[in-house]
């Protein structure tokens, strides 16, 4: 893989604070962050703040930030606002700002979904439910603007109108409005509240049904900023060939592709006869040494395949630590917070193989050409340091 699409070549002119050229100087160049979104569910931070377990904060933060620059926080309506008019904005805002202060880009997930929906909505008629859904979107997107500027606007629309495991308010309005009309409504509300936000549609159904839906939405003028692709693989790794098939199906739109929810197991694989992953309920689901080696190999292959594709903009692992969703051993950390082989492997990819650190020599005009992975950089000489954004090939002047 050349990965040329992940790199930039930029001419920089170095000057001191007085504007004098720094000619024939050796400049130390080190990447400090990536443009690519290496993501993970940030639920651990929310749990820590809710439970007041401050002793865990530093250990989790250090390990999390060694890998990730992008985090997903949950806005499941039924948990965020279990009682109408009393949303848990304070805890979510505290957690989001904690991550933002550490250079993490934060995404909210999701604004509209039929699962984990607010039960209190059921007493209203469909017109009122829709109004309250749109009001909820306006409230969240407006209140978190500047802290969270990326949202999974609507989740799992393919199944939404035919979801029949239990009655819920969002399936009702999806049946009433139709898929495209409802998606258009909720995206319009989010876009109106924050025109600069990146707005995603997200689904686990990666069949032609999802592709056809997206095609219809784009034709209807829905401002989809990125296509969300869920890949929960509790029943075994899908394999490189299927990953490539998924990429081929959705690259036709030319939109950024976000692999929003990825899980690969380091223990026994969930039986194949399970249709809905949520139906697999166990008392414990331990990680195993052989499973951890398998997980490491599979995650590496999947990350390399996705990083090689120019439209893939983000990869989010759903569980940072084992035992989160369905008690699955799907994390990079074991239950005791020790790191697995997958953690060490991904850290090496992100911090070494896919990162840039070098020395360059300026010429007589203070110029040097830097080639490296897109992102932010620290440049230093003679004890002075400056930051440089390296995301395009345009030349720039740096004062040190």
Protein backbone atom coordinates (compact mmCIF):
# COMPACT_ATOMS: atom_id res chain seq x y z
CA UNK A 1 0.00 0.00 0.00
CA UNK A 2 1.45 3.37 -1.02
CA UNK A 3 -1.10 5.27 1.10
CA UNK A 4 -0.38 8.38 -0.97
CA UNK A 5 -3.95 9.56 -0.36
CA UNK A 6 -3.18 9.67 3.38
CA UNK A 7 -0.08 11.81 2.93
CA UNK A 8 0.77 15.39 2.05
CA UNK A 9 3.87 17.06 0.61
CA UNK A 10 4.23 20.64 1.77
CA UNK A 11 6.88 23.35 1.35
CA UNK A 12 7.45 25.37 4.49
CA UNK A 13 9.46 28.56 4.88
CA UNK A 14 10.92 28.91 8.36
CA UNK A 15 11.53 32.30 9.97
CA UNK A 16 12.34 33.47 13.47
CA UNK A 17 10.08 35.76 15.50
CA UNK A 18 11.67 38.84 13.91
CA UNK A 19 11.01 37.54 10.40
CA UNK A 20 14.57 36.50 9.62
CA UNK A 21 14.97 33.40 7.46
CA UNK A 22 16.17 30.29 9.28
CA UNK A 23 18.64 29.21 6.62
CA UNK A 24 20.59 25.96 6.74
CA UNK A 25 18.93 24.85 9.95
CA UNK A 26 18.00 21.33 11.00
CA UNK A 27 14.30 21.26 11.91
CA UNK A 28 12.77 18.50 14.00
CA UNK A 29 9.36 17.48 12.70
CA UNK A 30 6.95 15.26 14.64
CA UNK A 31 3.32 14.44 13.99
CA UNK A 32 1.09 15.17 16.97
CA UNK A 33 -2.33 14.15 15.59
CA UNK A 34 -3.95 12.50 12.59
CA UNK A 35 -6.53 13.86 10.17
CA UNK A 36 -7.89 10.31 9.91
CA UNK A 37 -10.40 9.59 12.64
CA UNK A 38 -9.19 6.67 14.72
CA UNK A 39 -12.23 6.24 16.92
CA UNK A 40 -13.72 4.32 19.79
CA UNK A 41 -16.84 4.35 21.86
CA UNK A 42 -16.18 6.77 24.73
CA UNK A 43 -18.72 5.13 27.02
CA UNK A 44 -16.04 4.31 29.59
CA UNK A 45 -15.58 8.01 30.33
CA UNK A 46 -19.31 8.54 30.75
CA UNK A 47 -19.50 5.58 33.12
CA UNK A 48 -16.58 6.89 35.16
CA UNK A 49 -18.12 10.35 35.53
CA UNK A 50 -21.55 8.97 36.36
CA UNK A 51 -20.17 6.59 38.99
CA UNK A 52 -17.64 9.08 40.32
CA UNK A 53 -14.76 6.61 39.91
CA UNK A 54 -12.08 9.27 39.51
CA UNK A 55 -9.31 6.76 40.31
CA UNK A 56 -9.95 5.19 36.90
CA UNK A 57 -9.86 8.42 34.92
CA UNK A 58 -6.11 8.79 34.43
CA UNK A 59 -5.46 5.13 33.58
CA UNK A 60 -8.32 4.92 31.08
CA UNK A 61 -7.55 8.35 29.61
CA UNK A 62 -3.88 7.58 29.04
CA UNK A 63 -4.55 4.25 27.35
CA UNK A 64 -7.48 5.58 25.32
CA UNK A 65 -5.60 8.64 24.02
CA UNK A 66 -2.61 6.52 23.03
CA UNK A 67 -4.83 5.12 20.27
CA UNK A 68 -7.76 7.39 19.57
CA UNK A 69 -8.50 10.96 18.47
CA UNK A 70 -12.25 10.47 17.96
CA UNK A 71 -14.93 9.33 20.38
CA UNK A 72 -18.62 8.43 20.27
CA UNK A 73 -20.91 9.36 23.16
CA UNK A 74 -24.41 7.89 23.65
CA UNK A 75 -27.54 10.03 23.34
CA UNK A 76 -30.06 7.17 23.44
CA UNK A 77 -33.23 9.08 24.13
CA UNK A 78 -34.69 6.66 26.66
CA UNK A 79 -31.57 6.85 28.82
CA UNK A 80 -30.65 10.46 28.15
CA UNK A 81 -34.13 11.70 29.05
CA UNK A 82 -35.91 8.92 30.99
CA UNK A 83 -38.32 11.51 32.38
CA UNK A 84 -39.71 14.07 29.96
CA UNK A 85 -38.07 17.45 30.31
CA UNK A 86 -35.16 16.18 32.39
CA UNK A 87 -32.28 15.29 30.00
CA UNK A 88 -28.89 14.32 31.39
CA UNK A 89 -27.20 17.19 29.60
CA UNK A 90 -24.79 18.02 32.43
CA UNK A 91 -23.03 14.62 32.48
CA UNK A 92 -22.86 14.33 28.70
CA UNK A 93 -21.51 17.88 28.38
CA UNK A 94 -18.91 17.29 31.08
CA UNK A 95 -17.73 14.11 29.35
CA UNK A 96 -17.72 15.67 25.88
CA UNK A 97 -15.74 18.70 27.06
CA UNK A 98 -13.28 16.46 28.90
CA UNK A 99 -12.56 14.68 25.61
CA UNK A 100 -12.53 17.87 23.53
CA UNK A 101 -10.00 19.46 25.90
CA UNK A 102 -7.69 16.54 25.10
CA UNK A 103 -7.89 17.00 21.35
CA UNK A 104 -10.60 14.40 20.74
CA UNK A 105 -13.29 15.00 18.14
CA UNK A 106 -16.63 13.90 19.60
CA UNK A 107 -19.68 12.43 17.87
CA UNK A 108 -23.16 12.08 19.35
CA UNK A 109 -25.06 8.83 18.73
CA UNK A 110 -27.96 8.82 17.78
CA UNK A 111 -30.56 11.60 17.58
CA UNK A 112 -33.35 9.39 16.24
CA UNK A 113 -33.69 5.63 16.78
CA UNK A 114 -36.50 3.21 17.43
CA UNK A 115 -34.49 1.25 20.01
CA UNK A 116 -33.86 2.62 23.53
CA UNK A 117 -36.57 5.14 22.70
CA UNK A 118 -38.25 7.25 25.40
CA UNK A 119 -41.23 5.30 26.73
CA UNK A 120 -43.06 8.48 27.75
CA UNK A 121 -43.51 9.34 24.04
CA UNK A 122 -46.06 6.54 23.69
CA UNK A 123 -48.85 8.61 25.28
CA UNK A 124 -48.78 11.08 22.40
CA UNK A 125 -50.27 10.92 18.90
CA UNK A 126 -47.98 10.64 15.87
CA UNK A 127 -48.00 14.34 15.03
CA UNK A 128 -46.94 15.22 18.57
CA UNK A 129 -44.29 12.48 18.62
CA UNK A 130 -42.76 13.86 15.43
CA UNK A 131 -42.75 17.40 16.84
CA UNK A 132 -41.10 16.23 20.03
CA UNK A 133 -38.52 14.24 18.02
CA UNK A 134 -37.60 17.31 15.98
CA UNK A 135 -37.55 19.50 19.10
CA UNK A 136 -35.20 16.99 20.74
CA UNK A 137 -32.84 17.22 17.75
CA UNK A 138 -32.89 21.03 17.79
CA UNK A 139 -32.16 21.00 21.54
CA UNK A 140 -29.23 18.59 21.47
CA UNK A 141 -27.55 19.89 18.32
CA UNK A 142 -27.91 23.50 19.46
CA UNK A 143 -26.83 22.96 23.07
CA UNK A 144 -23.75 20.92 22.13
CA UNK A 145 -22.70 23.06 19.16
CA UNK A 146 -18.95 23.70 19.28
CA UNK A 147 -18.40 20.67 21.51
CA UNK A 148 -20.14 18.02 19.41
CA UNK A 149 -20.30 18.91 15.73
CA UNK A 150 -20.78 15.41 14.36
CA UNK A 151 -23.96 13.35 14.80
CA UNK A 152 -25.45 10.03 13.84
CA UNK A 153 -28.72 11.73 12.99
CA UNK A 154 -30.80 8.59 12.46
CA UNK A 155 -29.94 4.99 13.19
CA UNK A 156 -30.96 1.76 11.45
CA UNK A 157 -33.63 3.20 9.15
CA UNK A 158 -33.80 0.12 6.91
CA UNK A 159 -35.49 -1.91 9.63
CA UNK A 160 -37.19 1.00 11.41
CA UNK A 161 -40.74 0.85 9.95
CA UNK A 162 -40.93 -2.95 10.15
CA UNK A 163 -39.33 -3.34 13.59
CA UNK A 164 -41.75 -5.50 15.57
CA UNK A 165 -39.97 -6.71 18.70
CA UNK A 166 -41.92 -4.14 20.69
CA UNK A 167 -44.04 -1.08 20.02
CA UNK A 168 -42.23 2.25 20.08
CA UNK A 169 -42.86 5.86 19.13
CA UNK A 170 -40.22 6.20 16.40
CA UNK A 171 -41.38 3.13 14.46
CA UNK A 172 -44.87 4.62 14.60
CA UNK A 173 -43.82 7.91 13.00
CA UNK A 174 -41.58 6.11 10.49
CA UNK A 175 -44.57 4.05 9.40
CA UNK A 176 -46.66 7.19 9.25
CA UNK A 177 -44.16 9.37 7.35
CA UNK A 178 -42.21 6.76 5.41
CA UNK A 179 -38.45 6.28 5.54
CA UNK A 180 -37.39 9.06 3.19
CA UNK A 181 -39.77 11.67 4.60
CA UNK A 182 -38.71 10.96 8.20
CA UNK A 183 -35.00 11.01 7.37
CA UNK A 184 -35.50 14.27 5.50
CA UNK A 185 -37.29 15.74 8.55
CA UNK A 186 -34.63 14.80 11.08
CA UNK A 187 -31.69 15.81 8.89
CA UNK A 188 -33.34 19.18 8.20
CA UNK A 189 -33.71 19.79 11.95
CA UNK A 190 -30.07 18.89 12.63
CA UNK A 191 -28.77 20.95 9.71
CA UNK A 192 -30.85 23.97 10.70
CA UNK A 193 -29.49 23.80 14.26
CA UNK A 194 -25.84 23.50 13.15
CA UNK A 195 -25.22 24.04 9.42
CA UNK A 196 -21.53 23.25 9.88
CA UNK A 197 -22.06 19.88 11.56
CA UNK A 198 -21.17 16.59 9.90
CA UNK A 199 -24.39 14.59 9.73
CA UNK A 200 -24.43 10.81 9.29
CA UNK A 201 -26.96 8.15 8.47
CA UNK A 202 -25.99 4.87 10.15
CA UNK A 203 -27.05 1.25 9.68
CA UNK A 204 -26.12 -2.39 10.26
CA UNK A 205 -28.06 -3.54 7.18
CA UNK A 206 -25.37 -3.24 4.53
CA UNK A 207 -27.38 -4.86 1.75
CA UNK A 208 -28.78 -3.32 -1.41
CA UNK A 209 -31.68 -2.04 0.71
CA UNK A 210 -29.38 0.46 2.46
CA UNK A 211 -27.75 1.49 -0.82
CA UNK A 212 -31.14 2.07 -2.46
CA UNK A 213 -32.32 4.06 0.57
CA UNK A 214 -29.23 6.31 0.48
CA UNK A 215 -29.72 6.84 -3.26
CA UNK A 216 -33.30 7.91 -2.65
CA UNK A 217 -32.29 10.22 0.19
CA UNK A 218 -29.62 11.96 -1.86
CA UNK A 219 -32.08 12.40 -4.72
CA UNK A 220 -34.46 13.96 -2.20
CA UNK A 221 -31.77 16.48 -1.19
CA UNK A 222 -30.98 15.09 2.26
CA UNK A 223 -27.61 16.59 3.36
CA UNK A 224 -25.82 13.36 4.28
CA UNK A 225 -22.25 14.26 5.25
CA UNK A 226 -20.98 10.71 5.65
CA UNK A 227 -22.30 7.16 5.35
CA UNK A 228 -22.21 5.20 8.59
CA UNK A 229 -21.44 1.49 8.30
CA UNK A 230 -21.87 -0.82 11.30
CA UNK A 231 -19.77 -3.98 11.45
CA UNK A 232 -20.52 -5.80 14.69
CA UNK A 233 -18.83 -9.16 14.14
CA UNK A 234 -19.74 -11.12 17.26
CA UNK A 235 -20.36 -14.15 15.03
CA UNK A 236 -16.93 -14.05 13.43
CA UNK A 237 -14.81 -11.84 11.23
CA UNK A 238 -16.46 -11.11 7.88
CA UNK A 239 -13.11 -11.32 6.07
CA UNK A 240 -11.27 -9.02 3.69
CA UNK A 241 -13.32 -10.00 0.64
CA UNK A 242 -16.60 -8.95 2.27
CA UNK A 243 -15.04 -5.72 3.56
CA UNK A 244 -14.01 -4.91 -0.02
CA UNK A 245 -17.52 -5.76 -1.26
CA UNK A 246 -19.01 -3.29 1.26
CA UNK A 247 -16.58 -0.59 0.16
CA UNK A 248 -17.45 -1.19 -3.49
CA UNK A 249 -21.19 -0.95 -2.78
CA UNK A 250 -21.00 2.42 -1.02
CA UNK A 251 -18.09 4.13 -2.76
CA UNK A 252 -20.40 4.88 -5.70
CA UNK A 253 -21.84 7.85 -3.81
CA UNK A 254 -18.45 9.55 -3.43
CA UNK A 255 -19.25 10.40 0.21
CA UNK A 256 -16.93 9.82 3.17
CA UNK A 257 -17.37 6.34 4.63
CA UNK A 258 -17.34 5.94 8.41
CA UNK A 259 -17.08 2.47 9.90
CA UNK A 260 -19.01 3.57 12.95
CA UNK A 261 -19.42 0.45 15.11
CA UNK A 262 -16.84 -2.26 14.75
CA UNK A 263 -16.46 -5.25 17.06
CA UNK A 264 -14.25 -8.33 16.79
CA UNK A 265 -14.29 -10.94 19.54
CA UNK A 266 -11.34 -12.33 21.51
CA UNK A 267 -13.27 -15.22 23.04
CA UNK A 268 -15.75 -17.83 21.82
CA UNK A 269 -17.70 -16.69 18.78
CA UNK A 270 -21.47 -16.14 19.13
CA UNK A 271 -23.44 -19.00 17.49
CA UNK A 272 -24.51 -18.37 13.91
CA UNK A 273 -28.17 -19.23 14.58
CA UNK A 274 -28.63 -16.01 16.57
CA UNK A 275 -30.43 -13.51 14.33
CA UNK A 276 -30.53 -10.47 16.63
CA UNK A 277 -27.24 -10.11 18.50
CA UNK A 278 -29.11 -8.72 21.50
CA UNK A 279 -30.77 -12.13 21.97
CA UNK A 280 -27.44 -13.63 23.07
CA UNK A 281 -27.58 -13.17 26.84
CA UNK A 282 -24.83 -14.80 28.91
CA UNK A 283 -23.60 -14.48 32.49
CA UNK A 284 -20.01 -14.11 31.38
CA UNK A 285 -18.04 -14.11 28.14
CA UNK A 286 -14.33 -14.50 28.84
CA UNK A 287 -11.45 -13.55 26.61
CA UNK A 288 -8.95 -16.33 25.78
CA UNK A 289 -5.28 -16.28 24.74
CA UNK A 290 -5.99 -17.90 21.38
CA UNK A 291 -8.97 -15.60 20.86
CA UNK A 292 -6.83 -12.55 21.56
CA UNK A 293 -4.30 -13.58 18.92
CA UNK A 294 -7.12 -14.13 16.43
CA UNK A 295 -8.68 -10.77 17.27
CA UNK A 296 -5.32 -9.06 16.78
CA UNK A 297 -4.85 -10.56 13.30
CA UNK A 298 -8.39 -9.74 12.22
CA UNK A 299 -8.33 -6.15 13.47
CA UNK A 300 -5.02 -5.52 11.75
CA UNK A 301 -6.27 -6.85 8.42
CA UNK A 302 -9.48 -4.85 8.64
CA UNK A 303 -7.74 -1.60 9.60
CA UNK A 304 -5.17 -1.97 6.83
CA UNK A 305 -7.91 -2.67 4.28
CA UNK A 306 -9.97 0.34 5.33
CA UNK A 307 -7.02 2.72 5.72
CA UNK A 308 -6.04 1.87 2.15
CA UNK A 309 -9.38 3.10 0.76
CA UNK A 310 -9.44 6.84 -0.03
CA UNK A 311 -13.09 7.37 0.94
CA UNK A 312 -12.80 5.83 4.41
CA UNK A 313 -12.52 8.72 6.84
CA UNK A 314 -13.12 7.05 10.21
CA UNK A 315 -12.99 3.67 11.97
CA UNK A 316 -14.66 3.34 15.35
CA UNK A 317 -14.22 0.32 17.59
CA UNK A 318 -17.35 0.08 19.70
CA UNK A 319 -15.95 -1.28 22.99
CA UNK A 320 -12.71 -0.05 24.51
CA UNK A 321 -12.85 -2.56 27.35
CA UNK A 322 -14.28 -6.07 27.51
CA UNK A 323 -17.71 -6.68 28.96
CA UNK A 324 -19.38 -3.51 27.66
CA UNK A 325 -22.08 -4.50 25.15
CA UNK A 326 -23.53 -8.02 25.68
CA UNK A 327 -20.57 -8.74 28.02
CA UNK A 328 -18.56 -9.49 24.89
CA UNK A 329 -14.74 -9.69 24.93
CA UNK A 330 -14.65 -7.12 22.14
CA UNK A 331 -12.36 -4.54 23.71
CA UNK A 332 -8.72 -3.57 23.43
CA UNK A 333 -8.51 -3.89 27.23
CA UNK A 334 -9.38 -6.86 29.41
CA UNK A 335 -11.73 -6.47 32.36
CA UNK A 336 -8.75 -5.66 34.60
CA UNK A 337 -7.75 -2.82 32.22
CA UNK A 338 -4.65 -4.66 30.98
CA UNK A 339 -3.96 -4.31 27.26
CA UNK A 340 -4.49 -7.07 24.72
CA UNK A 341 -2.28 -7.85 21.69
CA UNK A 342 -4.78 -5.93 19.53
CA UNK A 343 -4.09 -2.77 21.54
CA UNK A 344 -0.33 -3.05 21.12
CA UNK A 345 -0.69 -3.81 17.42
CA UNK A 346 -2.96 -0.83 16.72
CA UNK A 347 -0.75 1.50 18.75
CA UNK A 348 2.22 0.47 16.63
CA UNK A 349 0.24 1.11 13.42
CA UNK A 350 -1.05 4.53 14.48
CA UNK A 351 1.99 5.81 16.37
CA UNK A 352 4.76 4.33 14.27
CA UNK A 353 3.92 2.90 10.84
CA UNK A 354 1.23 5.49 10.02
CA UNK A 355 2.93 8.43 11.70
CA UNK A 356 5.71 10.81 10.64
CA UNK A 357 8.77 11.85 12.60
CA UNK A 358 11.85 13.22 10.83
CA UNK A 359 14.55 15.88 10.62
CA UNK A 360 14.76 18.23 7.65
CA UNK A 361 17.40 20.78 6.64
CA UNK A 362 16.35 24.19 5.39
CA UNK A 363 18.05 25.67 2.34
CA UNK A 364 19.57 29.14 1.98
CA UNK A 365 16.05 30.60 1.68
CA UNK A 366 14.81 28.89 4.86
CA UNK A 367 12.76 26.40 2.85
CA UNK A 368 12.20 22.72 3.47
CA UNK A 369 9.79 20.22 1.97
CA UNK A 370 8.03 17.93 4.42
CA UNK A 371 6.23 14.78 3.33
CA UNK A 372 4.15 12.87 5.82
CA UNK A 373 0.76 11.63 6.95
CA UNK A 374 -1.98 14.25 7.09
CA UNK A 375 -2.51 15.88 10.44
CA UNK A 376 -1.01 18.36 12.88
CA UNK A 377 2.73 18.60 13.49
CA UNK A 378 5.18 20.05 15.96
CA UNK A 379 8.29 21.66 14.41
CA UNK A 380 11.21 22.80 16.54
CA UNK A 381 14.69 24.31 16.28
CA UNK A 382 17.07 25.78 18.86
CA UNK A 383 14.59 25.15 21.67
CA UNK A 384 11.73 26.95 19.92
CA UNK A 385 8.56 25.12 18.84
CA UNK A 386 5.60 25.85 16.58
CA UNK A 387 2.64 23.88 15.29
CA UNK A 388 1.82 23.26 11.64
CA UNK A 389 -1.31 21.87 10.02
CA UNK A 390 -0.36 19.45 7.25
CA UNK A 391 -3.57 18.63 5.40
CA UNK A 392 -2.95 20.16 1.97
CA UNK A 393 -0.05 20.75 -0.38
CA UNK A 394 -0.07 24.54 -0.27
CA UNK A 395 3.10 26.25 0.94
CA UNK A 396 3.19 28.06 4.28
CA UNK A 397 5.44 30.19 6.45
CA UNK A 398 6.29 29.04 9.95
CA UNK A 399 7.61 31.39 12.61
CA UNK A 400 9.75 29.89 15.35
